[in-house]
Amino acid sequence: MSIQERMEKFKLKEDRADVIIPAAEIFLMVARSLDCDSIIVPNISLADSIVDGIYRDMTRNGELVE
């Protein structure tokens, strides 16, 4: 499938449509190496996850903890 076809069929942005195949190959390689049937993938990026973790560490119930 071309990048354009992936964008249309799966509603992907161009910068995602071009990396989805190599990314899928990596996930499949990891799954095979670990002999697992599934991999849970977070819905946020690594950078967002780091910022979220720092925020959670610095706050409690939305208030800054000193």
PDB file of N, CA and C in Angstrom:
ATOM      1  N   MET A   1       0.843  -1.165   0.000  1.00  0.00           N
ATOM      2  CA  MET A   1       0.000   0.000   0.000  1.00  0.00           C
ATOM      3  C   MET A   1       0.905   1.249   0.000  1.00  0.00           C
ATOM      4  N   SER A   2       0.555   2.226  -0.771  1.00  0.00           N
ATOM      5  CA  SER A   2       1.347   3.455  -0.828  1.00  0.00           C
ATOM      6  C   SER A   2       1.078   4.309   0.421  1.00  0.00           C
ATOM      7  N   ILE A   3       1.930   5.284   0.632  1.00  0.00           N
ATOM      8  CA  ILE A   3       1.733   6.197   1.763  1.00  0.00           C
ATOM      9  C   ILE A   3       0.383   6.887   1.637  1.00  0.00           C
ATOM     10  N   GLN A   4       0.057   7.335   0.442  1.00  0.00           N
ATOM     11  CA  GLN A   4      -1.227   8.010   0.209  1.00  0.00           C
ATOM     12  C   GLN A   4      -2.395   7.080   0.526  1.00  0.00           C
ATOM     13  N   GLU A   5      -2.311   5.833   0.101  1.00  0.00           N
ATOM     14  CA  GLU A   5      -3.384   4.869   0.382  1.00  0.00           C
ATOM     15  C   GLU A   5      -3.528   4.628   1.889  1.00  0.00           C
ATOM     16  N   ARG A   6      -2.396   4.533   2.603  1.00  0.00           N
ATOM     17  CA  ARG A   6      -2.437   4.360   4.061  1.00  0.00           C
ATOM     18  C   ARG A   6      -3.079   5.573   4.730  1.00  0.00           C
ATOM     19  N   MET A   7      -2.746   6.766   4.230  1.00  0.00           N
ATOM     20  CA  MET A   7      -3.323   7.994   4.791  1.00  0.00           C
ATOM     21  C   MET A   7      -4.840   7.981   4.642  1.00  0.00           C
ATOM     22  N   GLU A   8      -5.309   7.593   3.487  1.00  0.00           N
ATOM     23  CA  GLU A   8      -6.746   7.599   3.222  1.00  0.00           C
ATOM     24  C   GLU A   8      -7.473   6.475   3.953  1.00  0.00           C
ATOM     25  N   LYS A   9      -6.944   5.258   3.872  1.00  0.00           N
ATOM     26  CA  LYS A   9      -7.628   4.108   4.450  1.00  0.00           C
ATOM     27  C   LYS A   9      -7.645   4.144   5.973  1.00  0.00           C
ATOM     28  N   PHE A  10      -6.508   4.527   6.587  1.00  0.00           N
ATOM     29  CA  PHE A  10      -6.402   4.480   8.040  1.00  0.00           C
ATOM     30  C   PHE A  10      -6.448   5.857   8.694  1.00  0.00           C
ATOM     31  N   LYS A  11      -6.718   6.878   7.875  1.00  0.00           N
ATOM     32  CA  LYS A  11      -6.817   8.265   8.363  1.00  0.00           C
ATOM     33  C   LYS A  11      -5.556   8.682   9.127  1.00  0.00           C
ATOM     34  N   LEU A  12      -4.389   8.408   8.518  1.00  0.00           N
ATOM     35  CA  LEU A  12      -3.103   8.738   9.113  1.00  0.00           C
ATOM     36  C   LEU A  12      -2.563  10.029   8.532  1.00  0.00           C
ATOM     37  N   LYS A  13      -1.807  10.752   9.346  1.00  0.00           N
ATOM     38  CA  LYS A  13      -1.076  11.903   8.842  1.00  0.00           C
ATOM     39  C   LYS A  13       0.117  11.374   8.057  1.00  0.00           C
ATOM     40  N   GLU A  14       0.640  12.195   7.149  1.00  0.00           N
ATOM     41  CA  GLU A  14       1.733  11.747   6.288  1.00  0.00           C
ATOM     42  C   GLU A  14       2.947  11.295   7.095  1.00  0.00           C
ATOM     43  N   ASP A  15       3.263  12.040   8.184  1.00  0.00           N
ATOM     44  CA  ASP A  15       4.447  11.679   8.970  1.00  0.00           C
ATOM     45  C   ASP A  15       4.252  10.381   9.746  1.00  0.00           C
ATOM     46  N   ARG A  16       3.024   9.905   9.858  1.00  0.00           N
ATOM     47  CA  ARG A  16       2.756   8.602  10.485  1.00  0.00           C
ATOM     48  C   ARG A  16       2.658   7.507   9.426  1.00  0.00           C
ATOM     49  N   ALA A  17       2.051   7.850   8.308  1.00  0.00           N
ATOM     50  CA  ALA A  17       1.850   6.857   7.256  1.00  0.00           C
ATOM     51  C   ALA A  17       3.162   6.332   6.698  1.00  0.00           C
ATOM     52  N   ASP A  18       4.210   7.161   6.727  1.00  0.00           N
ATOM     53  CA  ASP A  18       5.481   6.703   6.162  1.00  0.00           C
ATOM     54  C   ASP A  18       6.290   5.841   7.126  1.00  0.00           C
ATOM     55  N   VAL A  19       5.981   5.878   8.423  1.00  0.00           N
ATOM     56  CA  VAL A  19       6.753   5.091   9.392  1.00  0.00           C
ATOM     57  C   VAL A  19       5.978   3.909   9.974  1.00  0.00           C
ATOM     58  N   ILE A  20       4.714   3.775   9.609  1.00  0.00           N
ATOM     59  CA  ILE A  20       3.879   2.739  10.215  1.00  0.00           C
ATOM     60  C   ILE A  20       4.382   1.329   9.885  1.00  0.00           C
ATOM     61  N   ILE A  21       4.879   1.113   8.683  1.00  0.00           N
ATOM     62  CA  ILE A  21       5.361  -0.223   8.302  1.00  0.00           C
ATOM     63  C   ILE A  21       6.632  -0.588   9.077  1.00  0.00           C
ATOM     64  N   PRO A  22       7.670   0.269   9.091  1.00  0.00           N
ATOM     65  CA  PRO A  22       8.843  -0.085   9.900  1.00  0.00           C
ATOM     66  C   PRO A  22       8.508  -0.218  11.391  1.00  0.00           C
ATOM     67  N   ALA A  23       7.610   0.611  11.889  1.00  0.00           N
ATOM     68  CA  ALA A  23       7.212   0.517  13.302  1.00  0.00           C
ATOM     69  C   ALA A  23       6.513  -0.816  13.571  1.00  0.00           C
ATOM     70  N   ALA A  24       5.638  -1.220  12.685  1.00  0.00           N
ATOM     71  CA  ALA A  24       4.937  -2.504  12.844  1.00  0.00           C
ATOM     72  C   ALA A  24       5.930  -3.664  12.821  1.00  0.00           C
ATOM     73  N   GLU A  25       6.933  -3.569  11.951  1.00  0.00           N
ATOM     74  CA  GLU A  25       7.956  -4.618  11.894  1.00  0.00           C
ATOM     75  C   GLU A  25       8.723  -4.708  13.212  1.00  0.00           C
ATOM     76  N   ILE A  26       9.000  -3.572  13.826  1.00  0.00           N
ATOM     77  CA  ILE A  26       9.686  -3.566  15.124  1.00  0.00           C
ATOM     78  C   ILE A  26       8.807  -4.217  16.186  1.00  0.00           C
ATOM     79  N   PHE A  27       7.534  -3.843  16.236  1.00  0.00           N
ATOM     80  CA  PHE A  27       6.626  -4.444  17.213  1.00  0.00           C
ATOM     81  C   PHE A  27       6.507  -5.949  17.013  1.00  0.00           C
ATOM     82  N   LEU A  28       6.424  -6.388  15.757  1.00  0.00           N
ATOM     83  CA  LEU A  28       6.340  -7.827  15.486  1.00  0.00           C
ATOM     84  C   LEU A  28       7.617  -8.546  15.913  1.00  0.00           C
ATOM     85  N   MET A  29       8.771  -7.941  15.656  1.00  0.00           N
ATOM     86  CA  MET A  29      10.040  -8.537  16.055  1.00  0.00           C
ATOM     87  C   MET A  29      10.118  -8.660  17.583  1.00  0.00           C
ATOM     88  N   VAL A  30       9.707  -7.608  18.287  1.00  0.00           N
ATOM     89  CA  VAL A  30       9.709  -7.638  19.754  1.00  0.00           C
ATOM     90  C   VAL A  30       8.750  -8.718  20.261  1.00  0.00           C
ATOM     91  N   ALA A  31       7.547  -8.780  19.703  1.00  0.00           N
ATOM     92  CA  ALA A  31       6.560  -9.777  20.125  1.00  0.00           C
ATOM     93  C   ALA A  31       7.084 -11.193  19.904  1.00  0.00           C
ATOM     94  N   ARG A  32       7.693 -11.425  18.758  1.00  0.00           N
ATOM     95  CA  ARG A  32       8.261 -12.755  18.488  1.00  0.00           C
ATOM     96  C   ARG A  32       9.409 -13.070  19.436  1.00  0.00           C
ATOM     97  N   SER A  33      10.273 -12.093  19.673  1.00  0.00           N
ATOM     98  CA  SER A  33      11.420 -12.292  20.556  1.00  0.00           C
ATOM     99  C   SER A  33      10.987 -12.597  21.985  1.00  0.00           C
ATOM    100  N   LEU A  34       9.913 -11.973  22.420  1.00  0.00           N
ATOM    101  CA  LEU A  34       9.401 -12.177  23.778  1.00  0.00           C
ATOM    102  C   LEU A  34       8.368 -13.296  23.847  1.00  0.00           C
ATOM    103  N   ASP A  35       8.050 -13.868  22.693  1.00  0.00           N
ATOM    104  CA  ASP A  35       7.052 -14.928  22.589  1.00  0.00           C
ATOM    105  C   ASP A  35       5.730 -14.508  23.244  1.00  0.00           C
ATOM    106  N   CYS A  36       5.270 -13.315  22.871  1.00  0.00           N
ATOM    107  CA  CYS A  36       4.005 -12.825  23.426  1.00  0.00           C
ATOM    108  C   CYS A  36       2.989 -12.603  22.302  1.00  0.00           C
ATOM    109  N   ASP A  37       1.736 -12.632  22.690  1.00  0.00           N
ATOM    110  CA  ASP A  37       0.641 -12.477  21.731  1.00  0.00           C
ATOM    111  C   ASP A  37       0.196 -11.040  21.545  1.00  0.00           C
ATOM    112  N   SER A  38       0.540 -10.178  22.507  1.00  0.00           N
ATOM    113  CA  SER A  38       0.100  -8.790  22.410  1.00  0.00           C
ATOM    114  C   SER A  38       1.103  -7.872  23.099  1.00  0.00           C
ATOM    115  N   ILE A  39       1.050  -6.608  22.701  1.00  0.00           N
ATOM    116  CA  ILE A  39       1.870  -5.562  23.298  1.00  0.00           C
ATOM    117  C   ILE A  39       0.935  -4.392  23.573  1.00  0.00           C
ATOM    118  N   ILE A  40       0.982  -3.866  24.797  1.00  0.00           N
ATOM    119  CA  ILE A  40       0.155  -2.714  25.142  1.00  0.00           C
ATOM    120  C   ILE A  40       0.970  -1.457  24.836  1.00  0.00           C
ATOM    121  N   VAL A  41       0.396  -0.582  24.022  1.00  0.00           N
ATOM    122  CA  VAL A  41       1.078   0.631  23.589  1.00  0.00           C
ATOM    123  C   VAL A  41       0.310   1.838  24.118  1.00  0.00           C
ATOM    124  N   PRO A  42       1.001   2.759  24.809  1.00  0.00           N
ATOM    125  CA  PRO A  42       0.301   3.942  25.318  1.00  0.00           C
ATOM    126  C   PRO A  42      -0.190   4.821  24.178  1.00  0.00           C
ATOM    127  N   ASN A  43      -1.192   5.600  24.477  1.00  0.00           N
ATOM    128  CA  ASN A  43      -1.802   6.457  23.467  1.00  0.00           C
ATOM    129  C   ASN A  43      -1.158   7.843  23.406  1.00  0.00           C
ATOM    130  N   ILE A  44      -0.064   8.068  24.153  1.00  0.00           N
ATOM    131  CA  ILE A  44       0.618   9.352  24.118  1.00  0.00           C
ATOM    132  C   ILE A  44       2.075   9.136  23.742  1.00  0.00           C
ATOM    133  N   SER A  45       2.721  10.186  23.284  1.00  0.00           N
ATOM    134  CA  SER A  45       4.111  10.076  22.853  1.00  0.00           C
ATOM    135  C   SER A  45       5.039   9.956  24.053  1.00  0.00           C
ATOM    136  N   LEU A  46       6.271   9.560  23.796  1.00  0.00           N
ATOM    137  CA  LEU A  46       7.263   9.438  24.855  1.00  0.00           C
ATOM    138  C   LEU A  46       7.482  10.779  25.544  1.00  0.00           C
ATOM    139  N   ALA A  47       7.625  11.845  24.762  1.00  0.00           N
ATOM    140  CA  ALA A  47       7.840  13.179  25.344  1.00  0.00           C
ATOM    141  C   ALA A  47       6.656  13.581  26.218  1.00  0.00           C
ATOM    142  N   ASP A  48       5.433  13.360  25.734  1.00  0.00           N
ATOM    143  CA  ASP A  48       4.245  13.688  26.528  1.00  0.00           C
ATOM    144  C   ASP A  48       4.203  12.859  27.806  1.00  0.00           C
ATOM    145  N   SER A  49       4.608  11.612  27.711  1.00  0.00           N
ATOM    146  CA  SER A  49       4.618  10.744  28.874  1.00  0.00           C
ATOM    147  C   SER A  49       5.611  11.232  29.928  1.00  0.00           C
ATOM    148  N   ILE A  50       6.783  11.679  29.498  1.00  0.00           N
ATOM    149  CA  ILE A  50       7.789  12.203  30.429  1.00  0.00           C
ATOM    150  C   ILE A  50       7.266  13.456  31.122  1.00  0.00           C
ATOM    151  N   VAL A  51       6.696  14.368  30.347  1.00  0.00           N
ATOM    152  CA  VAL A  51       6.145  15.595  30.924  1.00  0.00           C
ATOM    153  C   VAL A  51       5.014  15.257  31.895  1.00  0.00           C
ATOM    154  N   ASP A  52       4.157  14.332  31.528  1.00  0.00           N
ATOM    155  CA  ASP A  52       3.063  13.918  32.401  1.00  0.00           C
ATOM    156  C   ASP A  52       3.602  13.344  33.710  1.00  0.00           C
ATOM    157  N   GLY A  53       4.643  12.526  33.637  1.00  0.00           N
ATOM    158  CA  GLY A  53       5.243  11.956  34.832  1.00  0.00           C
ATOM    159  C   GLY A  53       5.841  13.015  35.738  1.00  0.00           C
ATOM    160  N   ILE A  54       6.538  13.986  35.149  1.00  0.00           N
ATOM    161  CA  ILE A  54       7.111  15.089  35.936  1.00  0.00           C
ATOM    162  C   ILE A  54       6.001  15.885  36.597  1.00  0.00           C
ATOM    163  N   TYR A  55       4.948  16.181  35.854  1.00  0.00           N
ATOM    164  CA  TYR A  55       3.808  16.927  36.408  1.00  0.00           C
ATOM    165  C   TYR A  55       3.194  16.178  37.589  1.00  0.00           C
ATOM    166  N   ARG A  56       2.989  14.876  37.413  1.00  0.00           N
ATOM    167  CA  ARG A  56       2.398  14.073  38.492  1.00  0.00           C
ATOM    168  C   ARG A  56       3.305  14.040  39.718  1.00  0.00           C
ATOM    169  N   ASP A  57       4.625  13.976  39.478  1.00  0.00           N
ATOM    170  CA  ASP A  57       5.572  13.988  40.599  1.00  0.00           C
ATOM    171  C   ASP A  57       5.561  15.322  41.337  1.00  0.00           C
ATOM    172  N   MET A  58       5.319  16.410  40.634  1.00  0.00           N
ATOM    173  CA  MET A  58       5.399  17.747  41.226  1.00  0.00           C
ATOM    174  C   MET A  58       4.065  18.222  41.800  1.00  0.00           C
ATOM    175  N   THR A  59       2.990  17.538  41.491  1.00  0.00           N
ATOM    176  CA  THR A  59       1.674  17.979  41.954  1.00  0.00           C
ATOM    177  C   THR A  59       0.927  16.869  42.666  1.00  0.00           C
ATOM    178  N   ARG A  60      -0.003  17.292  43.465  1.00  0.00           N
ATOM    179  CA  ARG A  60      -0.932  16.365  44.098  1.00  0.00           C
ATOM    180  C   ARG A  60      -2.299  16.992  43.973  1.00  0.00           C
ATOM    181  N   ASN A  61      -3.201  16.315  43.304  1.00  0.00           N
ATOM    182  CA  ASN A  61      -4.553  16.844  43.063  1.00  0.00           C
ATOM    183  C   ASN A  61      -4.504  18.190  42.346  1.00  0.00           C
ATOM    184  N   GLY A  62      -3.564  18.352  41.421  1.00  0.00           N
ATOM    185  CA  GLY A  62      -3.462  19.582  40.636  1.00  0.00           C
ATOM    186  C   GLY A  62      -2.782  20.719  41.343  1.00  0.00           C
ATOM    187  N   GLU A  63      -2.295  20.505  42.581  1.00  0.00           N
ATOM    188  CA  GLU A  63      -1.619  21.573  43.317  1.00  0.00           C
ATOM    189  C   GLU A  63      -0.135  21.257  43.451  1.00  0.00           C
ATOM    190  N   LEU A  64       0.685  22.283  43.317  1.00  0.00           N
ATOM    191  CA  LEU A  64       2.142  22.124  43.404  1.00  0.00           C
ATOM    192  C   LEU A  64       2.527  21.652  44.790  1.00  0.00           C
ATOM    193  N   VAL A  65       3.350  20.606  44.830  1.00  0.00           N
ATOM    194  CA  VAL A  65       3.847  20.066  46.088  1.00  0.00           C
ATOM    195  C   VAL A  65       5.290  20.520  46.253  1.00  0.00           C
ATOM    196  N   GLU A  66       5.588  21.147  47.392  1.00  0.00           N
ATOM    197  CA  GLU A  66       6.958  21.632  47.620  1.00  0.00           C
ATOM    198  C   GLU A  66       7.724  20.709  48.514  1.00  0.00           C
TER     199      GLU A  66
END
